[in-house]
N, C-alpha and C. Protein backbone atom coordinates (compact mmCIF):
# COMPACT_ATOMS: atom_id res chain seq x y z
N UNK A 1 12.65 -2.93 30.13
CA UNK A 1 13.89 -2.73 29.39
C UNK A 1 14.35 -1.30 29.60
N UNK A 2 15.63 -1.13 29.87
CA UNK A 2 16.14 0.19 30.23
C UNK A 2 15.98 1.19 29.09
N UNK A 3 16.26 0.75 27.84
CA UNK A 3 16.17 1.67 26.71
C UNK A 3 14.72 2.11 26.49
N UNK A 4 13.78 1.16 26.64
CA UNK A 4 12.36 1.50 26.49
C UNK A 4 11.96 2.52 27.56
N UNK A 5 12.38 2.29 28.80
CA UNK A 5 12.03 3.20 29.88
C UNK A 5 12.61 4.59 29.63
N UNK A 6 13.84 4.64 29.13
CA UNK A 6 14.49 5.92 28.85
C UNK A 6 13.73 6.66 27.74
N UNK A 7 13.41 5.95 26.66
CA UNK A 7 12.71 6.58 25.54
C UNK A 7 11.32 7.03 25.96
N UNK A 8 10.67 6.21 26.75
CA UNK A 8 9.32 6.58 27.19
C UNK A 8 9.36 7.84 28.05
N UNK A 9 10.41 7.96 28.87
CA UNK A 9 10.53 9.15 29.71
C UNK A 9 10.94 10.37 28.90
N UNK A 10 11.89 10.21 27.99
CA UNK A 10 12.40 11.36 27.23
C UNK A 10 11.39 11.85 26.21
N UNK A 11 10.76 10.92 25.51
CA UNK A 11 9.86 11.31 24.42
C UNK A 11 8.38 11.08 24.74
N UNK A 12 8.09 10.60 25.96
CA UNK A 12 6.71 10.25 26.30
C UNK A 12 6.14 9.32 25.23
N UNK A 13 6.87 8.23 25.00
CA UNK A 13 6.56 7.28 23.93
C UNK A 13 5.33 6.45 24.28
N UNK A 14 4.37 6.43 23.37
CA UNK A 14 3.16 5.63 23.51
C UNK A 14 2.99 4.76 22.27
N UNK A 15 2.66 3.49 22.48
CA UNK A 15 2.40 2.56 21.38
C UNK A 15 0.94 2.16 21.42
N UNK A 16 0.24 2.34 20.32
CA UNK A 16 -1.17 2.01 20.22
C UNK A 16 -1.35 0.88 19.21
N UNK A 17 -2.03 -0.18 19.63
CA UNK A 17 -2.29 -1.31 18.74
C UNK A 17 -1.18 -2.33 18.70
N UNK A 18 -0.36 -2.42 19.75
CA UNK A 18 0.78 -3.34 19.75
C UNK A 18 0.36 -4.80 19.60
N UNK A 19 -0.87 -5.14 19.99
CA UNK A 19 -1.34 -6.53 19.89
C UNK A 19 -1.43 -6.99 18.43
N UNK A 20 -1.42 -6.05 17.49
CA UNK A 20 -1.49 -6.41 16.07
C UNK A 20 -0.15 -6.88 15.51
N UNK A 21 0.91 -6.66 16.26
CA UNK A 21 2.23 -7.10 15.80
C UNK A 21 2.42 -8.59 16.07
N UNK A 22 2.89 -9.35 15.09
CA UNK A 22 3.09 -10.79 15.31
C UNK A 22 4.18 -11.05 16.34
N UNK A 23 3.88 -11.94 17.28
CA UNK A 23 4.87 -12.27 18.32
C UNK A 23 5.93 -13.23 17.80
N UNK A 24 5.60 -13.99 16.77
CA UNK A 24 6.57 -14.89 16.15
C UNK A 24 6.43 -14.76 14.63
N UNK A 25 7.47 -15.16 13.93
CA UNK A 25 7.41 -15.16 12.48
C UNK A 25 7.73 -13.81 11.87
N UNK A 26 7.95 -13.84 10.57
CA UNK A 26 8.38 -12.65 9.84
C UNK A 26 7.23 -11.70 9.54
N UNK A 27 7.56 -10.43 9.42
CA UNK A 27 6.62 -9.40 8.97
C UNK A 27 7.43 -8.21 8.51
N UNK A 28 6.91 -7.50 7.51
CA UNK A 28 7.55 -6.27 7.04
C UNK A 28 6.77 -5.10 7.63
N UNK A 29 7.43 -4.34 8.48
CA UNK A 29 6.84 -3.17 9.13
C UNK A 29 7.10 -1.96 8.24
N UNK A 30 6.04 -1.35 7.72
CA UNK A 30 6.22 -0.18 6.85
C UNK A 30 5.72 1.06 7.59
N UNK A 31 6.54 2.10 7.63
CA UNK A 31 6.22 3.28 8.42
C UNK A 31 6.53 4.56 7.65
N UNK A 32 5.84 5.62 8.02
CA UNK A 32 6.18 6.94 7.48
C UNK A 32 7.50 7.40 8.11
N UNK A 33 8.12 8.38 7.45
CA UNK A 33 9.47 8.79 7.88
C UNK A 33 9.52 10.31 7.95
N UNK A 34 9.59 10.85 9.18
CA UNK A 34 9.53 12.30 9.36
C UNK A 34 10.70 12.87 10.15
N UNK A 35 11.60 12.00 10.63
CA UNK A 35 12.72 12.48 11.46
C UNK A 35 13.82 11.44 11.49
N UNK A 36 15.05 11.92 11.78
CA UNK A 36 16.17 11.01 12.00
C UNK A 36 15.90 10.09 13.19
N UNK A 37 14.98 10.48 14.07
CA UNK A 37 14.67 9.66 15.24
C UNK A 37 13.90 8.39 14.91
N UNK A 38 13.22 8.36 13.77
CA UNK A 38 12.32 7.25 13.48
C UNK A 38 12.97 5.87 13.57
N UNK A 39 14.15 5.64 12.95
CA UNK A 39 14.75 4.31 13.05
C UNK A 39 15.31 4.00 14.43
N UNK A 40 15.35 4.99 15.31
CA UNK A 40 15.77 4.75 16.70
C UNK A 40 14.57 4.44 17.57
N UNK A 41 13.49 5.19 17.38
CA UNK A 41 12.29 5.03 18.20
C UNK A 41 11.48 3.81 17.81
N UNK A 42 11.28 3.59 16.50
CA UNK A 42 10.37 2.53 16.08
C UNK A 42 10.76 1.13 16.56
N UNK A 43 12.04 0.74 16.54
CA UNK A 43 12.38 -0.58 17.08
C UNK A 43 11.98 -0.76 18.54
N UNK A 44 11.93 0.32 19.31
CA UNK A 44 11.56 0.22 20.72
C UNK A 44 10.07 -0.09 20.89
N UNK A 45 9.29 0.12 19.84
CA UNK A 45 7.86 -0.17 19.89
C UNK A 45 7.54 -1.62 19.51
N UNK A 46 8.55 -2.35 19.08
CA UNK A 46 8.35 -3.72 18.63
C UNK A 46 8.39 -4.71 19.80
N UNK A 47 7.67 -5.83 19.71
CA UNK A 47 7.66 -6.82 20.79
C UNK A 47 8.95 -7.63 20.88
N UNK A 48 9.77 -7.57 19.83
CA UNK A 48 11.07 -8.26 19.81
C UNK A 48 12.02 -7.45 18.94
N UNK A 49 13.29 -7.69 19.14
CA UNK A 49 14.29 -6.89 18.44
C UNK A 49 14.18 -7.09 16.94
N UNK A 50 13.89 -6.02 16.18
CA UNK A 50 13.70 -6.18 14.74
C UNK A 50 14.98 -5.91 13.95
N UNK A 51 14.96 -6.35 12.70
CA UNK A 51 15.94 -5.86 11.74
C UNK A 51 15.35 -4.61 11.09
N UNK A 52 16.19 -3.75 10.58
CA UNK A 52 15.63 -2.59 9.91
C UNK A 52 16.59 -2.02 8.88
N UNK A 53 15.98 -1.52 7.80
CA UNK A 53 16.72 -0.82 6.77
C UNK A 53 16.77 0.66 7.13
N UNK A 54 17.94 1.25 7.07
CA UNK A 54 18.07 2.67 7.38
C UNK A 54 19.11 3.29 6.47
N UNK A 55 18.93 4.57 6.19
CA UNK A 55 19.87 5.27 5.33
C UNK A 55 21.29 5.17 5.88
N UNK A 56 22.24 4.88 5.01
CA UNK A 56 23.62 4.68 5.47
C UNK A 56 24.20 5.95 6.11
N UNK A 57 23.58 7.11 5.84
CA UNK A 57 24.04 8.35 6.45
C UNK A 57 24.01 8.29 7.98
N UNK A 58 23.10 7.47 8.53
CA UNK A 58 22.97 7.38 9.98
C UNK A 58 24.24 6.84 10.63
N UNK A 59 24.97 6.01 9.91
CA UNK A 59 26.21 5.45 10.46
C UNK A 59 27.32 6.49 10.52
N UNK A 60 27.08 7.66 9.92
CA UNK A 60 28.09 8.73 9.95
C UNK A 60 27.70 9.87 10.89
N UNK A 61 26.55 9.71 11.56
CA UNK A 61 26.08 10.75 12.48
C UNK A 61 26.50 10.42 13.90
N UNK A 62 27.25 11.33 14.52
CA UNK A 62 27.74 11.11 15.86
C UNK A 62 26.56 10.91 16.81
N UNK A 63 26.64 9.94 17.67
CA UNK A 63 25.55 9.64 18.59
C UNK A 63 24.61 8.62 18.00
N UNK A 64 24.05 8.93 16.84
CA UNK A 64 23.12 8.01 16.18
C UNK A 64 23.85 6.73 15.77
N UNK A 65 25.08 6.87 15.30
CA UNK A 65 25.80 5.70 14.83
C UNK A 65 26.06 4.70 15.96
N UNK A 66 26.12 5.19 17.20
CA UNK A 66 26.28 4.27 18.33
C UNK A 66 25.06 3.37 18.48
N UNK A 67 23.88 3.95 18.24
CA UNK A 67 22.65 3.15 18.30
C UNK A 67 22.63 2.14 17.16
N UNK A 68 23.03 2.57 15.97
CA UNK A 68 23.05 1.66 14.82
C UNK A 68 23.98 0.48 15.09
N UNK A 69 25.14 0.77 15.63
CA UNK A 69 26.11 -0.29 15.90
C UNK A 69 25.61 -1.24 16.99
N UNK A 70 24.82 -0.71 17.92
CA UNK A 70 24.31 -1.55 19.00
C UNK A 70 23.39 -2.64 18.48
N UNK A 71 22.74 -2.39 17.35
CA UNK A 71 21.86 -3.41 16.76
C UNK A 71 22.64 -4.46 15.96
N UNK A 72 23.92 -4.21 15.74
CA UNK A 72 24.74 -5.18 15.04
C UNK A 72 24.21 -5.48 13.65
N UNK A 73 24.19 -6.77 13.25
CA UNK A 73 23.77 -7.13 11.89
C UNK A 73 22.29 -6.89 11.62
N UNK A 74 21.49 -6.63 12.66
CA UNK A 74 20.07 -6.36 12.44
C UNK A 74 19.83 -4.97 11.84
N UNK A 75 20.79 -4.07 12.00
CA UNK A 75 20.70 -2.74 11.39
C UNK A 75 21.37 -2.81 10.02
N UNK A 76 20.59 -2.61 8.97
CA UNK A 76 21.07 -2.81 7.61
C UNK A 76 21.19 -1.46 6.90
N UNK A 77 22.41 -1.00 6.62
CA UNK A 77 22.56 0.29 5.93
C UNK A 77 22.12 0.19 4.48
N UNK A 78 21.41 1.20 4.02
CA UNK A 78 20.88 1.22 2.67
C UNK A 78 21.49 2.39 1.89
N UNK A 79 22.14 2.07 0.78
CA UNK A 79 22.66 3.09 -0.12
C UNK A 79 21.54 3.51 -1.06
N UNK A 80 21.11 4.78 -0.95
CA UNK A 80 19.97 5.23 -1.73
C UNK A 80 20.35 5.70 -3.13
N UNK A 81 21.62 5.56 -3.49
CA UNK A 81 22.06 6.02 -4.80
C UNK A 81 21.63 5.13 -5.95
N UNK A 82 21.13 3.95 -5.65
CA UNK A 82 20.70 3.01 -6.68
C UNK A 82 20.16 1.77 -6.02
N UNK A 83 20.05 0.68 -6.76
CA UNK A 83 19.58 -0.58 -6.20
C UNK A 83 20.70 -1.18 -5.35
N UNK A 84 20.46 -1.31 -4.05
CA UNK A 84 21.47 -1.84 -3.13
C UNK A 84 21.21 -3.34 -2.95
N UNK A 85 21.86 -4.14 -3.78
CA UNK A 85 21.62 -5.58 -3.78
C UNK A 85 22.01 -6.23 -2.45
N UNK A 86 23.08 -5.73 -1.84
CA UNK A 86 23.52 -6.30 -0.56
C UNK A 86 22.48 -6.07 0.53
N UNK A 87 21.95 -4.87 0.61
CA UNK A 87 20.93 -4.56 1.61
C UNK A 87 19.67 -5.38 1.39
N UNK A 88 19.26 -5.54 0.14
CA UNK A 88 18.06 -6.32 -0.15
C UNK A 88 18.27 -7.79 0.20
N UNK A 89 19.45 -8.31 -0.09
CA UNK A 89 19.75 -9.70 0.23
C UNK A 89 19.72 -9.93 1.74
N UNK A 90 20.32 -9.02 2.49
CA UNK A 90 20.33 -9.15 3.95
C UNK A 90 18.92 -9.03 4.52
N UNK A 91 18.12 -8.15 3.94
CA UNK A 91 16.74 -7.96 4.41
C UNK A 91 15.91 -9.21 4.19
N UNK A 92 16.03 -9.81 3.01
CA UNK A 92 15.28 -11.03 2.73
C UNK A 92 15.72 -12.17 3.65
N UNK A 93 17.02 -12.24 3.91
CA UNK A 93 17.51 -13.29 4.81
C UNK A 93 16.95 -13.10 6.21
N UNK A 94 16.87 -11.85 6.68
CA UNK A 94 16.29 -11.58 8.00
C UNK A 94 14.84 -12.05 8.06
N UNK A 95 14.09 -11.78 7.00
CA UNK A 95 12.69 -12.22 6.96
C UNK A 95 12.60 -13.74 6.94
N UNK A 96 13.44 -14.38 6.17
CA UNK A 96 13.42 -15.85 6.09
C UNK A 96 13.84 -16.49 7.41
N UNK A 97 14.58 -15.72 8.21
CA UNK A 97 14.95 -16.19 9.55
C UNK A 97 13.85 -15.92 10.57
N UNK A 98 12.74 -15.31 10.13
CA UNK A 98 11.61 -15.08 11.01
C UNK A 98 11.61 -13.75 11.74
N UNK A 99 12.41 -12.79 11.27
CA UNK A 99 12.51 -11.50 11.95
C UNK A 99 11.43 -10.52 11.48
N UNK A 100 11.18 -9.53 12.31
CA UNK A 100 10.45 -8.35 11.87
C UNK A 100 11.44 -7.46 11.12
N UNK A 101 11.01 -6.87 10.02
CA UNK A 101 11.89 -5.99 9.24
C UNK A 101 11.21 -4.64 9.07
N UNK A 102 11.84 -3.58 9.57
CA UNK A 102 11.30 -2.23 9.44
C UNK A 102 11.82 -1.58 8.16
N UNK A 103 10.87 -1.04 7.38
CA UNK A 103 11.21 -0.37 6.12
C UNK A 103 10.48 0.98 6.09
N UNK A 104 11.17 1.99 5.60
CA UNK A 104 10.56 3.30 5.39
C UNK A 104 10.37 3.48 3.88
N UNK A 105 9.19 3.13 3.36
CA UNK A 105 9.01 3.04 1.90
C UNK A 105 8.97 4.37 1.17
N UNK A 106 8.98 5.49 1.88
CA UNK A 106 9.05 6.78 1.19
C UNK A 106 10.44 7.03 0.62
N UNK A 107 11.43 6.28 1.09
CA UNK A 107 12.78 6.40 0.56
C UNK A 107 13.61 7.50 1.18
N UNK A 108 13.11 8.14 2.21
CA UNK A 108 13.83 9.22 2.87
C UNK A 108 12.88 9.99 3.77
N UNK A 109 13.43 10.98 4.47
CA UNK A 109 12.63 11.79 5.39
C UNK A 109 11.80 12.79 4.60
N UNK A 110 10.52 12.88 4.94
CA UNK A 110 9.66 13.87 4.33
C UNK A 110 10.00 15.25 4.90
N UNK A 111 10.42 16.21 4.09
CA UNK A 111 10.85 17.51 4.63
C UNK A 111 9.72 18.33 5.22
N UNK A 112 8.48 18.09 4.77
CA UNK A 112 7.34 18.86 5.29
C UNK A 112 6.38 18.02 6.12
N UNK A 113 6.73 16.75 6.36
CA UNK A 113 5.90 15.89 7.18
C UNK A 113 4.76 15.20 6.45
N UNK A 114 4.49 15.64 5.21
CA UNK A 114 3.42 15.02 4.44
C UNK A 114 3.87 13.67 3.90
N UNK A 115 2.91 12.75 3.78
CA UNK A 115 3.22 11.42 3.30
C UNK A 115 3.58 11.48 1.82
N UNK A 116 4.73 10.93 1.48
CA UNK A 116 5.18 10.93 0.10
C UNK A 116 4.85 9.58 -0.54
N UNK A 117 4.89 9.47 -1.87
CA UNK A 117 4.59 8.19 -2.53
C UNK A 117 5.51 7.08 -2.03
N UNK A 118 4.93 5.91 -1.88
CA UNK A 118 5.68 4.75 -1.40
C UNK A 118 6.31 4.00 -2.58
N UNK A 119 7.54 3.54 -2.38
CA UNK A 119 8.16 2.61 -3.32
C UNK A 119 7.59 1.21 -3.06
N UNK A 120 7.67 0.34 -4.06
CA UNK A 120 7.09 -1.00 -3.93
C UNK A 120 8.05 -2.01 -3.32
N UNK A 121 9.27 -1.60 -2.97
CA UNK A 121 10.27 -2.55 -2.48
C UNK A 121 9.84 -3.33 -1.25
N UNK A 122 9.16 -2.66 -0.32
CA UNK A 122 8.73 -3.35 0.90
C UNK A 122 7.72 -4.44 0.57
N UNK A 123 6.78 -4.13 -0.32
CA UNK A 123 5.79 -5.13 -0.71
C UNK A 123 6.44 -6.29 -1.45
N UNK A 124 7.45 -5.99 -2.26
CA UNK A 124 8.15 -7.06 -2.98
C UNK A 124 8.87 -8.00 -2.01
N UNK A 125 9.52 -7.43 -0.99
CA UNK A 125 10.18 -8.29 0.00
C UNK A 125 9.16 -9.13 0.75
N UNK A 126 8.02 -8.54 1.09
CA UNK A 126 6.96 -9.29 1.76
C UNK A 126 6.47 -10.43 0.88
N UNK A 127 6.33 -10.15 -0.43
CA UNK A 127 5.87 -11.18 -1.36
C UNK A 127 6.88 -12.32 -1.45
N UNK A 128 8.15 -11.98 -1.56
CA UNK A 128 9.17 -13.02 -1.71
C UNK A 128 9.35 -13.84 -0.45
N UNK A 129 9.16 -13.22 0.70
CA UNK A 129 9.32 -13.94 1.98
C UNK A 129 8.00 -14.53 2.47
N UNK A 130 6.90 -14.27 1.73
CA UNK A 130 5.56 -14.71 2.16
C UNK A 130 5.27 -14.21 3.57
N UNK A 131 5.51 -12.93 3.78
CA UNK A 131 5.32 -12.30 5.09
C UNK A 131 4.27 -11.19 4.96
N UNK A 132 3.50 -10.92 6.02
CA UNK A 132 2.54 -9.83 5.96
C UNK A 132 3.23 -8.46 6.03
N UNK A 133 2.53 -7.46 5.52
CA UNK A 133 2.93 -6.07 5.69
C UNK A 133 2.15 -5.49 6.86
N UNK A 134 2.84 -4.81 7.77
CA UNK A 134 2.15 -4.18 8.90
C UNK A 134 2.37 -2.67 8.82
N UNK A 135 1.32 -1.89 8.52
CA UNK A 135 1.48 -0.44 8.45
C UNK A 135 1.63 0.18 9.84
N UNK A 136 2.52 1.17 9.94
CA UNK A 136 2.75 1.85 11.21
C UNK A 136 2.83 3.36 10.95
N UNK A 137 2.13 4.12 11.78
CA UNK A 137 2.17 5.58 11.68
C UNK A 137 2.92 6.15 12.88
N UNK A 138 3.91 6.99 12.59
CA UNK A 138 4.69 7.65 13.64
C UNK A 138 4.31 9.13 13.66
N UNK A 139 4.00 9.64 14.82
CA UNK A 139 3.77 11.08 14.98
C UNK A 139 4.58 11.59 16.16
N UNK A 140 5.06 12.82 16.06
CA UNK A 140 5.77 13.46 17.16
C UNK A 140 7.27 13.52 17.03
N UNK A 141 7.87 12.62 16.23
CA UNK A 141 9.33 12.63 16.13
C UNK A 141 9.84 13.86 15.38
N UNK A 142 9.04 14.37 14.43
CA UNK A 142 9.47 15.57 13.71
C UNK A 142 9.51 16.79 14.62
N UNK A 143 8.69 16.78 15.66
CA UNK A 143 8.71 17.86 16.62
C UNK A 143 9.84 17.66 17.62
N UNK A 144 10.10 16.39 17.97
CA UNK A 144 11.19 16.10 18.92
C UNK A 144 12.56 16.35 18.30
N UNK A 145 12.71 16.01 17.03
CA UNK A 145 13.99 16.25 16.36
C UNK A 145 13.71 16.64 14.90
N UNK A 146 13.37 17.91 14.66
CA UNK A 146 13.12 18.35 13.28
C UNK A 146 14.42 18.40 12.48
N UNK A 147 14.28 18.37 11.18
CA UNK A 147 15.45 18.49 10.31
C UNK A 147 16.19 19.79 10.62
N UNK A 148 17.50 19.70 10.73
CA UNK A 148 18.31 20.87 11.04
C UNK A 148 18.66 21.01 12.51
N UNK A 149 17.97 20.25 13.36
CA UNK A 149 18.27 20.30 14.80
C UNK A 149 19.18 19.14 15.16
N UNK A 150 20.11 19.37 16.08
CA UNK A 150 21.09 18.34 16.46
C UNK A 150 20.62 17.55 17.68
N UNK A 151 20.17 18.25 18.71
CA UNK A 151 19.76 17.59 19.95
C UNK A 151 18.23 17.45 20.00
N UNK A 152 17.75 16.26 20.35
CA UNK A 152 16.30 16.10 20.46
C UNK A 152 15.76 16.82 21.68
N UNK A 153 14.47 17.14 21.64
CA UNK A 153 13.82 17.77 22.77
C UNK A 153 12.66 16.88 23.22
N UNK A 154 12.23 17.10 24.45
CA UNK A 154 11.21 16.23 25.03
C UNK A 154 9.85 16.57 24.44
N UNK A 155 9.31 15.63 23.70
CA UNK A 155 8.01 15.79 23.07
C UNK A 155 7.29 14.43 23.08
N UNK A 156 5.96 14.43 23.08
CA UNK A 156 5.25 13.15 23.00
C UNK A 156 5.42 12.52 21.62
N UNK A 157 5.67 11.22 21.60
CA UNK A 157 5.79 10.46 20.36
C UNK A 157 4.80 9.31 20.42
N UNK A 158 4.02 9.15 19.37
CA UNK A 158 3.02 8.09 19.32
C UNK A 158 3.31 7.19 18.12
N UNK A 159 3.31 5.89 18.37
CA UNK A 159 3.45 4.89 17.32
C UNK A 159 2.15 4.10 17.26
N UNK A 160 1.47 4.17 16.11
CA UNK A 160 0.21 3.46 15.92
C UNK A 160 0.42 2.29 14.97
N UNK A 161 -0.03 1.11 15.39
CA UNK A 161 0.11 -0.11 14.59
C UNK A 161 -1.19 -0.37 13.85
N UNK A 162 -1.09 -0.56 12.53
CA UNK A 162 -2.27 -0.80 11.72
C UNK A 162 -2.62 -2.28 11.60
N UNK A 163 -3.58 -2.55 10.75
CA UNK A 163 -4.05 -3.92 10.52
C UNK A 163 -3.13 -4.60 9.51
N UNK A 164 -2.59 -5.77 9.85
CA UNK A 164 -1.68 -6.46 8.93
C UNK A 164 -2.33 -6.74 7.57
N UNK A 165 -1.55 -6.61 6.52
CA UNK A 165 -1.97 -6.88 5.16
C UNK A 165 -1.36 -8.22 4.74
N UNK A 166 -2.17 -9.18 4.29
CA UNK A 166 -1.64 -10.50 3.93
C UNK A 166 -0.52 -10.41 2.89
N UNK A 167 0.36 -11.41 2.86
CA UNK A 167 1.45 -11.39 1.88
C UNK A 167 0.90 -11.21 0.47
N UNK A 168 1.41 -10.22 -0.26
CA UNK A 168 0.91 -10.00 -1.62
C UNK A 168 1.53 -10.97 -2.62
N UNK A 169 0.93 -11.02 -3.81
CA UNK A 169 1.56 -11.74 -4.90
C UNK A 169 2.69 -10.91 -5.47
N UNK A 170 3.45 -11.50 -6.38
CA UNK A 170 4.62 -10.80 -6.91
C UNK A 170 4.35 -10.05 -8.21
N UNK A 171 3.12 -10.11 -8.71
CA UNK A 171 2.79 -9.34 -9.90
C UNK A 171 2.75 -7.85 -9.56
N UNK A 172 3.02 -7.01 -10.55
CA UNK A 172 3.07 -5.57 -10.34
C UNK A 172 1.78 -5.05 -9.71
N UNK A 173 0.64 -5.53 -10.20
CA UNK A 173 -0.64 -5.07 -9.69
C UNK A 173 -0.82 -5.44 -8.21
N UNK A 174 -0.37 -6.65 -7.86
CA UNK A 174 -0.47 -7.09 -6.46
C UNK A 174 0.38 -6.22 -5.54
N UNK A 175 1.58 -5.92 -6.01
CA UNK A 175 2.49 -5.10 -5.20
C UNK A 175 1.95 -3.68 -5.05
N UNK A 176 1.41 -3.13 -6.13
CA UNK A 176 0.84 -1.79 -6.05
C UNK A 176 -0.36 -1.75 -5.12
N UNK A 177 -1.19 -2.78 -5.18
CA UNK A 177 -2.38 -2.82 -4.33
C UNK A 177 -1.98 -2.88 -2.85
N UNK A 178 -1.01 -3.73 -2.51
CA UNK A 178 -0.57 -3.84 -1.13
C UNK A 178 0.10 -2.55 -0.65
N UNK A 179 0.90 -1.94 -1.52
CA UNK A 179 1.58 -0.69 -1.18
C UNK A 179 0.58 0.42 -0.93
N UNK A 180 -0.42 0.52 -1.79
CA UNK A 180 -1.45 1.55 -1.64
C UNK A 180 -2.28 1.32 -0.37
N UNK A 181 -2.55 0.06 -0.06
CA UNK A 181 -3.32 -0.25 1.15
C UNK A 181 -2.55 0.16 2.40
N UNK A 182 -1.24 -0.10 2.41
CA UNK A 182 -0.42 0.29 3.56
C UNK A 182 -0.38 1.81 3.70
N UNK A 183 -0.18 2.50 2.58
CA UNK A 183 -0.12 3.97 2.62
C UNK A 183 -1.45 4.56 3.10
N UNK A 184 -2.57 3.97 2.66
CA UNK A 184 -3.88 4.48 3.07
C UNK A 184 -4.09 4.32 4.57
N UNK A 185 -3.67 3.17 5.12
CA UNK A 185 -3.81 2.97 6.57
C UNK A 185 -2.95 3.98 7.34
N UNK A 186 -1.73 4.18 6.89
CA UNK A 186 -0.84 5.11 7.58
C UNK A 186 -1.40 6.52 7.53
N UNK A 187 -1.90 6.93 6.38
CA UNK A 187 -2.49 8.26 6.25
C UNK A 187 -3.66 8.43 7.21
N UNK A 188 -4.50 7.40 7.34
CA UNK A 188 -5.65 7.48 8.23
C UNK A 188 -5.21 7.52 9.69
N UNK A 189 -4.23 6.71 10.06
CA UNK A 189 -3.77 6.68 11.45
C UNK A 189 -3.11 8.00 11.85
N UNK A 190 -2.46 8.66 10.91
CA UNK A 190 -1.82 9.95 11.22
C UNK A 190 -2.85 11.01 11.58
N UNK A 191 -4.08 10.82 11.12
CA UNK A 191 -5.15 11.78 11.41
C UNK A 191 -5.96 11.41 12.66
N UNK A 192 -5.65 10.26 13.26
CA UNK A 192 -6.44 9.77 14.39
C UNK A 192 -6.24 10.63 15.62
N UNK A 193 -7.27 10.75 16.48
CA UNK A 193 -7.10 11.48 17.75
C UNK A 193 -5.97 10.86 18.57
N UNK A 194 -5.34 11.68 19.40
CA UNK A 194 -4.15 11.25 20.13
C UNK A 194 -4.40 10.05 21.03
N UNK A 195 -5.55 9.93 21.60
CA UNK A 195 -5.75 8.86 22.59
C UNK A 195 -6.48 7.65 22.10
N UNK A 196 -6.66 7.48 20.78
CA UNK A 196 -7.48 6.38 20.31
C UNK A 196 -6.76 5.06 20.38
N UNK A 197 -7.53 4.00 20.53
CA UNK A 197 -6.99 2.65 20.43
C UNK A 197 -6.36 2.12 21.70
N UNK A 198 -6.21 0.77 21.76
CA UNK A 198 -5.58 0.15 22.93
C UNK A 198 -4.09 0.47 22.99
N UNK A 199 -3.59 0.73 24.19
CA UNK A 199 -2.18 1.10 24.34
C UNK A 199 -1.37 -0.09 24.82
N UNK A 200 -0.08 0.05 24.63
CA UNK A 200 0.85 -1.01 25.05
C UNK A 200 0.81 -1.14 26.56
């Protein structure tokens, strides 16, 4: 794929653990968020074109908005000012249609790169759609495009795929347990040596 080849060349993109991603059926992909590049890079690591929730600000950023528009209805803008019922409805429909859905459960970009507390929304969508949660750790995008920088620079980017978490129940305790399990996997993968695991 031309876009994959371009991203791999520009960012030296490497995907580790891609075999853990389901080839068919729905799954909620939960990832850390450290750069505006994340919602552009992460879909390229997927085995099929995913749907994804992204901050609506991206649709107002020159250059980035072209990528968002290229995904059409699979790119779902999220208004972070409150509960965005339209975005949640579209996300659940994508899952019920068997799509992969990318969610950044920290609710925004981490300004210092450290993992912030996860919201339970991703786990709730997984519970309602009876879909697994797949933790994903992204490293390198904050160096390629740090906050405050306009043009990305050539840096290695690694996407690590974690072990899928079975669909949780809808009780608060179930959602918290699944959310904490995803966060723990992502935290561990962020500390992993650069070359570990099977590559794409």
